[in-house]
């Protein structure tokens, strides 16, 4: 593939915006109190594929509109054929679903819903009032996908965890008829003085089913921010809206203040609270300034910058959510993506 072709595909897929994707899976994993694992990696790969599928499908669906408003885009400029973009969207969607299937049935169900949301947005909802809500739903589902895949990988399965549980259950049955075995069973119980029973083992596995619910608050926060950014993006071609970026600015300030306030009242060490406060401040700083500029002067260039700022602000927001849930290492790693995203955005626009 020639260098010119690589550049065209990078522009079509908006690769500079890819850095906003890993944080969904990591924030979802952190919400469970579980370190990133194989399931997290599968969810991350699935999210990246589905995100890029949406980018390719977006330009294919908007090819006629872009020919008028944005003739420099890869499809109207003739650098990428419409059929190639549509094929890429289909292949990437299939790859995303395959990766999610490897993470478990719940992950596949969420990824299927996410893919359906992405395709319905690009093909229908984008130019309707339901567009921002569809995009918000997609981002929320992405966070839940990370949580579901991580929780499934961390749950007792058919591996060593199941073997250990089986031995514990077998030992309990032996203890029922053997006093010496009963003493050993009690001594080795997770809760001193209580033998490990089959019911307790089953209860441990069952607790993995509702665990994804712990990611709901973070999913809602990411969805709210995405709703605000998408609302602004609907005016990036022609500008002219003051109220929409002003509303997005208010949402940004509200989400940032909410994160700081909840952290002050939540248990945790002072360094952890300070990290969340710093990340929430970075989120507000990244998004608020371009939103304010777009509200004061709603021209297409400033509106596009506001959208770009809102997209980049997703990284510190995801980092703040991960840190608030105890994933300090994930939060720091995510913030390491910020300079890379900023550098690549100078070459390839995220909008």
Protein backbone atom coordinates (compact mmCIF):
# COMPACT_ATOMS: atom_id res chain seq x y z
CA UNK A 1 0.00 0.00 0.00
CA UNK A 2 1.36 3.38 -0.98
CA UNK A 3 2.01 6.11 1.57
CA UNK A 4 -0.76 8.19 -0.01
CA UNK A 5 -3.22 5.33 0.48
CA UNK A 6 -2.18 4.88 4.10
CA UNK A 7 -2.82 8.56 4.74
CA UNK A 8 -6.24 8.35 3.12
CA UNK A 9 -7.27 5.40 5.27
CA UNK A 10 -5.90 7.07 8.39
CA UNK A 11 -8.04 10.10 7.58
CA UNK A 12 -11.12 8.00 6.80
CA UNK A 13 -10.80 6.03 10.04
CA UNK A 14 -9.85 9.14 12.06
CA UNK A 15 -7.06 7.24 13.79
CA UNK A 16 -6.26 10.15 16.10
CA UNK A 17 -9.59 9.53 17.84
CA UNK A 18 -8.70 5.90 18.55
CA UNK A 19 -6.97 6.92 21.77
CA UNK A 20 -10.39 7.66 23.28
CA UNK A 21 -11.44 4.00 23.03
CA UNK A 22 -9.21 2.03 25.48
CA UNK A 23 -10.47 4.03 28.45
CA UNK A 24 -13.96 2.59 28.13
CA UNK A 25 -12.78 -0.97 28.73
CA UNK A 26 -10.36 0.08 31.49
CA UNK A 27 -12.98 2.18 33.28
CA UNK A 28 -15.42 -0.72 33.04
CA UNK A 29 -12.85 -3.11 34.49
CA UNK A 30 -11.95 -0.74 37.32
CA UNK A 31 -15.60 -0.39 38.30
CA UNK A 32 -15.61 -4.09 39.23
CA UNK A 33 -12.53 -3.75 41.41
CA UNK A 34 -10.75 -6.18 39.10
CA UNK A 35 -7.37 -5.67 37.46
CA UNK A 36 -7.38 -5.67 33.63
CA UNK A 37 -7.22 -9.23 32.32
CA UNK A 38 -7.67 -11.24 29.15
CA UNK A 39 -11.34 -10.27 28.97
CA UNK A 40 -10.42 -6.60 29.16
CA UNK A 41 -8.00 -7.04 26.24
CA UNK A 42 -10.66 -8.78 24.16
CA UNK A 43 -13.19 -6.06 24.94
CA UNK A 44 -10.65 -3.39 24.03
CA UNK A 45 -9.93 -5.07 20.70
CA UNK A 46 -13.64 -5.44 19.99
CA UNK A 47 -14.25 -1.78 20.83
CA UNK A 48 -11.46 -0.60 18.55
CA UNK A 49 -12.83 -2.63 15.64
CA UNK A 50 -16.41 -1.47 16.13
CA UNK A 51 -15.28 2.15 16.56
CA UNK A 52 -13.35 2.09 13.30
CA UNK A 53 -16.24 0.31 11.59
CA UNK A 54 -18.42 3.24 12.56
CA UNK A 55 -15.90 5.71 11.18
CA UNK A 56 -15.73 3.96 7.80
CA UNK A 57 -19.50 3.58 7.63
CA UNK A 58 -19.98 7.23 8.60
CA UNK A 59 -18.01 8.49 5.59
CA UNK A 60 -19.73 6.02 3.28
CA UNK A 61 -23.17 7.17 4.44
CA UNK A 62 -22.19 10.87 4.19
CA UNK A 63 -20.39 10.65 0.83
CA UNK A 64 -22.94 12.77 -1.04
CA UNK A 65 -23.12 15.40 1.71
CA UNK A 66 -19.33 15.49 2.03
CA UNK A 67 -19.01 16.06 -1.71
CA UNK A 68 -20.59 19.46 -1.10
CA UNK A 69 -19.51 20.45 2.42
CA UNK A 70 -16.20 18.57 2.80
CA UNK A 71 -14.88 17.64 -0.67
CA UNK A 72 -11.41 17.02 0.79
CA UNK A 73 -12.58 13.88 2.62
CA UNK A 74 -11.16 10.57 1.27
CA UNK A 75 -14.31 9.34 -0.52
CA UNK A 76 -15.45 12.53 -2.36
CA UNK A 77 -11.85 13.32 -3.26
CA UNK A 78 -11.55 9.93 -4.95
CA UNK A 79 -8.76 8.57 -2.74
CA UNK A 80 -10.94 5.75 -1.38
CA UNK A 81 -13.76 4.05 -3.28
CA UNK A 82 -17.18 3.98 -1.56
CA UNK A 83 -17.33 0.19 -1.91
CA UNK A 84 -13.97 -0.16 -0.14
CA UNK A 85 -15.17 1.94 2.79
CA UNK A 86 -18.36 -0.11 3.13
CA UNK A 87 -16.40 -3.37 2.93
CA UNK A 88 -14.02 -2.15 5.62
CA UNK A 89 -16.97 -1.30 7.87
CA UNK A 90 -18.43 -4.79 7.44
CA UNK A 91 -15.10 -6.57 8.02
CA UNK A 92 -14.29 -4.51 11.11
CA UNK A 93 -17.76 -5.16 12.52
CA UNK A 94 -17.30 -8.90 12.04
CA UNK A 95 -13.89 -8.76 13.71
CA UNK A 96 -15.29 -6.83 16.65
CA UNK A 97 -18.08 -9.34 17.19
CA UNK A 98 -15.65 -12.26 16.92
CA UNK A 99 -13.40 -10.79 19.61
CA UNK A 100 -16.35 -10.15 21.90
CA UNK A 101 -17.57 -13.72 21.39
CA UNK A 102 -14.21 -14.96 22.67
CA UNK A 103 -14.87 -12.99 25.86
CA UNK A 104 -18.19 -14.69 26.58
CA UNK A 105 -21.88 -14.62 25.75
CA UNK A 106 -22.67 -11.49 27.75
CA UNK A 107 -19.88 -9.65 25.99
CA UNK A 108 -21.14 -10.81 22.60
CA UNK A 109 -24.66 -9.63 23.46
CA UNK A 110 -23.38 -6.18 24.45
CA UNK A 111 -21.11 -5.95 21.39
CA UNK A 112 -24.02 -6.91 19.14
CA UNK A 113 -26.12 -4.15 20.67
CA UNK A 114 -23.19 -1.76 20.27
CA UNK A 115 -22.70 -2.69 16.61
CA UNK A 116 -26.42 -2.30 15.92
CA UNK A 117 -26.36 1.13 17.56
CA UNK A 118 -23.35 2.22 15.51
CA UNK A 119 -24.86 1.12 12.20
CA UNK A 120 -28.27 2.58 12.98
CA UNK A 121 -26.67 5.89 13.92
CA UNK A 122 -24.64 6.17 10.71
CA UNK A 123 -27.45 5.01 8.44
CA UNK A 124 -30.41 6.71 10.09
CA UNK A 125 -30.18 8.51 13.42
CA UNK A 126 -27.26 10.79 12.61
CA UNK A 127 -29.43 13.38 10.89
CA UNK A 128 -32.34 13.09 13.30
CA UNK A 129 -32.96 14.38 16.81
CA UNK A 130 -32.13 10.93 18.09
CA UNK A 131 -28.53 11.15 16.85
CA UNK A 132 -26.88 12.34 20.08
CA UNK A 133 -28.82 9.78 22.12
CA UNK A 134 -27.70 6.97 19.81
CA UNK A 135 -24.07 7.98 20.14
CA UNK A 136 -24.41 8.29 23.90
CA UNK A 137 -25.90 4.80 24.03
CA UNK A 138 -22.99 3.44 21.99
CA UNK A 139 -20.39 4.91 24.36
CA UNK A 140 -22.27 3.63 27.42
CA UNK A 141 -22.51 0.16 25.92
CA UNK A 142 -18.77 0.23 25.30
CA UNK A 143 -18.08 0.80 29.01
CA UNK A 144 -20.44 -2.03 29.93
CA UNK A 145 -18.74 -4.28 27.38
CA UNK A 146 -15.42 -3.76 29.14
CA UNK A 147 -16.99 -4.58 32.49
CA UNK A 148 -18.78 -7.69 31.24
CA UNK A 149 -15.71 -9.13 29.50
CA UNK A 150 -13.49 -8.42 32.51
CA UNK A 151 -15.97 -9.90 34.95
CA UNK A 152 -16.39 -13.05 32.88
CA UNK A 153 -12.64 -13.61 32.69
CA UNK A 154 -12.29 -13.06 36.44
CA UNK A 155 -15.18 -15.36 37.34
CA UNK A 156 -14.73 -18.99 38.40
CA UNK A 157 -14.98 -21.12 35.28
CA UNK A 158 -13.88 -24.52 34.12
CA UNK A 159 -10.25 -23.87 34.97
CA UNK A 160 -8.29 -24.19 38.22
CA UNK A 161 -10.88 -22.11 40.06
CA UNK A 162 -13.54 -24.71 39.34
CA UNK A 163 -11.24 -27.54 40.35
CA UNK A 164 -10.51 -25.80 43.65
CA UNK A 165 -14.22 -25.28 44.26
CA UNK A 166 -14.90 -28.93 43.47
CA UNK A 167 -12.24 -30.06 45.93
CA UNK A 168 -13.70 -27.77 48.59
CA UNK A 169 -17.17 -29.18 48.01
CA UNK A 170 -15.86 -32.72 48.11
CA UNK A 171 -14.00 -31.96 51.32
CA UNK A 172 -17.18 -30.65 52.93
CA UNK A 173 -19.02 -33.85 52.09
CA UNK A 174 -16.20 -35.88 53.66
CA UNK A 175 -16.28 -33.66 56.76
CA UNK A 176 -19.92 -34.53 57.29
CA UNK A 177 -18.97 -38.15 58.13
CA UNK A 178 -15.41 -37.72 59.42
CA UNK A 179 -14.78 -35.64 62.58
CA UNK A 180 -11.08 -35.15 61.76
CA UNK A 181 -11.90 -34.00 58.24
CA UNK A 182 -14.54 -31.69 59.68
CA UNK A 183 -11.92 -30.01 61.84
CA UNK A 184 -9.60 -29.55 58.86
CA UNK A 185 -12.48 -28.18 56.77
CA UNK A 186 -13.37 -25.60 59.40
CA UNK A 187 -9.75 -24.54 59.79
CA UNK A 188 -9.35 -24.08 56.04
CA UNK A 189 -12.58 -22.18 55.47
CA UNK A 190 -12.46 -18.64 54.04
CA UNK A 191 -14.50 -17.52 57.07
CA UNK A 192 -13.05 -19.07 60.21
CA UNK A 193 -15.49 -21.41 61.90
CA UNK A 194 -17.60 -21.94 58.75
CA UNK A 195 -17.03 -24.90 56.42
CA UNK A 196 -16.97 -24.23 52.68
CA UNK A 197 -20.21 -25.57 51.24
CA UNK A 198 -21.45 -26.19 47.74
CA UNK A 199 -23.92 -23.37 48.26
CA UNK A 200 -21.10 -20.94 49.07
CA UNK A 201 -19.20 -22.01 45.97
CA UNK A 202 -22.24 -21.52 43.79
CA UNK A 203 -22.86 -18.16 45.42
CA UNK A 204 -19.35 -17.05 44.50
CA UNK A 205 -19.99 -17.80 40.85
CA UNK A 206 -23.40 -16.21 40.95
CA UNK A 207 -22.02 -12.91 42.15
CA UNK A 208 -20.41 -12.42 38.74
CA UNK A 209 -23.81 -12.09 37.05
CA UNK A 210 -24.87 -8.69 38.46
CA UNK A 211 -21.35 -7.29 38.71
CA UNK A 212 -21.64 -5.42 35.40
CA UNK A 213 -24.15 -3.15 37.14
CA UNK A 214 -21.25 -1.58 39.01
CA UNK A 215 -20.17 -0.02 35.71
CA UNK A 216 -23.52 1.69 35.13
CA UNK A 217 -22.61 5.04 36.80
CA UNK A 218 -19.46 5.36 34.70
CA UNK A 219 -21.37 4.32 31.58
CA UNK A 220 -23.95 7.04 32.23
CA UNK A 221 -21.23 9.67 32.73
CA UNK A 222 -19.51 8.72 29.47
CA UNK A 223 -22.85 8.70 27.71
CA UNK A 224 -23.70 12.17 28.99
CA UNK A 225 -20.41 13.61 27.76
CA UNK A 226 -20.80 11.89 24.40
CA UNK A 227 -24.32 13.31 24.07
CA UNK A 228 -22.97 16.82 24.57
CA UNK A 229 -20.11 16.41 22.08
CA UNK A 230 -22.36 14.84 19.45
CA UNK A 231 -24.86 17.67 19.80
CA UNK A 232 -22.09 20.17 19.05
CA UNK A 233 -20.78 18.11 16.13
CA UNK A 234 -24.10 18.45 14.32
CA UNK A 235 -23.17 22.10 13.67
CA UNK A 236 -19.50 21.71 12.76
CA UNK A 237 -20.05 22.00 8.99
CA UNK A 238 -22.03 25.26 9.06
CA UNK A 239 -21.69 26.59 12.62
CA UNK A 240 -24.26 29.12 13.77
CA UNK A 241 -25.30 27.61 17.13
CA UNK A 242 -24.46 29.37 20.39
CA UNK A 243 -26.83 27.52 22.69
CA UNK A 244 -25.55 24.02 21.91
CA UNK A 245 -21.86 24.58 22.81
CA UNK A 246 -22.99 26.60 25.82
CA UNK A 247 -25.08 23.64 26.96
CA UNK A 248 -22.13 21.33 26.37
CA UNK A 249 -19.97 23.66 28.48
CA UNK A 250 -22.49 23.48 31.32
CA UNK A 251 -22.54 19.68 31.07
CA UNK A 252 -18.75 19.57 31.20
CA UNK A 253 -18.61 21.73 34.31
CA UNK A 254 -21.35 19.68 35.93
CA UNK A 255 -19.67 16.32 35.25
CA UNK A 256 -16.33 17.62 36.46
CA UNK A 257 -17.83 19.02 39.66
CA UNK A 258 -19.74 15.78 40.25
CA UNK A 259 -16.56 13.72 40.03
CA UNK A 260 -14.70 15.97 42.45
CA UNK A 261 -17.57 16.13 44.95
CA UNK A 262 -18.16 12.36 44.98
CA UNK A 263 -14.47 11.72 45.51
CA UNK A 264 -14.34 14.02 48.53
CA UNK A 265 -17.07 12.01 50.23
CA UNK A 266 -15.86 8.57 49.12
CA UNK A 267 -13.46 6.41 51.13
CA UNK A 268 -9.89 6.31 49.92
CA UNK A 269 -6.40 7.56 50.57
CA UNK A 270 -5.56 11.26 50.13
CA UNK A 271 -3.29 10.53 47.11
CA UNK A 272 -6.15 8.67 45.41
CA UNK A 273 -8.55 11.54 46.03
CA UNK A 274 -5.98 14.02 44.77
CA UNK A 275 -5.50 11.97 41.59
CA UNK A 276 -9.24 11.95 40.84
CA UNK A 277 -9.46 15.69 41.47
CA UNK A 278 -6.52 16.33 39.13
CA UNK A 279 -8.02 14.14 36.42
CA UNK A 280 -11.43 15.78 36.71
CA UNK A 281 -9.71 19.15 36.42
CA UNK A 282 -7.85 17.98 33.31
CA UNK A 283 -11.15 16.86 31.79
CA UNK A 284 -12.79 20.24 32.41
CA UNK A 285 -9.75 22.13 31.14
CA UNK A 286 -9.60 20.09 27.92
CA UNK A 287 -13.27 20.43 26.99
CA UNK A 288 -14.46 23.69 28.57
CA UNK A 289 -12.21 26.16 26.76
CA UNK A 290 -13.07 25.11 23.17
CA UNK A 291 -16.76 24.86 24.08
CA UNK A 292 -16.64 28.41 25.42
CA UNK A 293 -14.91 29.70 22.29
CA UNK A 294 -17.52 28.01 20.09
CA UNK A 295 -20.31 29.55 22.17
CA UNK A 296 -18.81 33.03 21.82
CA UNK A 297 -18.11 32.62 18.11
CA UNK A 298 -20.05 29.70 16.59
CA UNK A 299 -18.10 29.61 13.34
CA UNK A 300 -17.38 26.25 11.64
CA UNK A 301 -13.63 26.27 12.54
CA UNK A 302 -14.25 26.99 16.22
CA UNK A 303 -17.11 24.50 16.34
CA UNK A 304 -14.86 21.84 14.87
CA UNK A 305 -12.21 22.65 17.48
CA UNK A 306 -14.85 22.30 20.16
CA UNK A 307 -15.73 18.85 18.88
CA UNK A 308 -12.07 17.88 18.79
CA UNK A 309 -11.58 19.15 22.33
CA UNK A 310 -14.63 17.22 23.50
CA UNK A 311 -13.29 14.05 21.92
CA UNK A 312 -9.85 14.45 23.51
CA UNK A 313 -11.47 15.20 26.89
CA UNK A 314 -12.83 11.67 26.96
CA UNK A 315 -9.39 10.37 27.95
CA UNK A 316 -9.05 12.28 31.25
CA UNK A 317 -12.73 11.61 31.96
CA UNK A 318 -12.21 7.86 31.54
CA UNK A 319 -9.06 8.11 33.65
CA UNK A 320 -10.98 9.89 36.40
CA UNK A 321 -13.65 7.18 36.40
CA UNK A 322 -11.00 4.45 36.61
CA UNK A 323 -9.13 6.22 39.43
CA UNK A 324 -12.34 6.83 41.38
CA UNK A 325 -13.01 3.08 41.29
CA UNK A 326 -9.50 2.27 42.51
CA UNK A 327 -7.81 1.77 39.14
CA UNK A 328 -5.02 4.27 39.68
CA UNK A 329 -2.57 2.41 37.45
CA UNK A 330 -5.06 2.29 34.58
CA UNK A 331 -5.76 6.00 35.03
CA UNK A 332 -2.08 6.91 34.81
CA UNK A 333 -1.64 4.69 31.75
CA UNK A 334 -4.59 6.36 30.04
CA UNK A 335 -3.19 9.81 30.64
CA UNK A 336 -0.05 8.66 28.88
CA UNK A 337 -2.16 8.52 25.71
CA UNK A 338 -2.98 12.24 25.84
CA UNK A 339 0.26 13.56 24.30
CA UNK A 340 0.10 10.85 21.62
CA UNK A 341 -3.47 11.78 20.74
CA UNK A 342 -2.59 15.46 20.63
CA UNK A 343 0.42 14.85 18.40
CA UNK A 344 -1.47 12.63 15.96
CA UNK A 345 -4.42 15.04 15.86
CA UNK A 346 -2.11 17.62 14.28
CA UNK A 347 -1.69 15.25 11.34
CA UNK A 348 -5.09 13.57 11.20
CA UNK A 349 -8.21 15.41 12.33
CA UNK A 350 -10.42 13.48 14.78
CA UNK A 351 -13.55 15.09 13.27
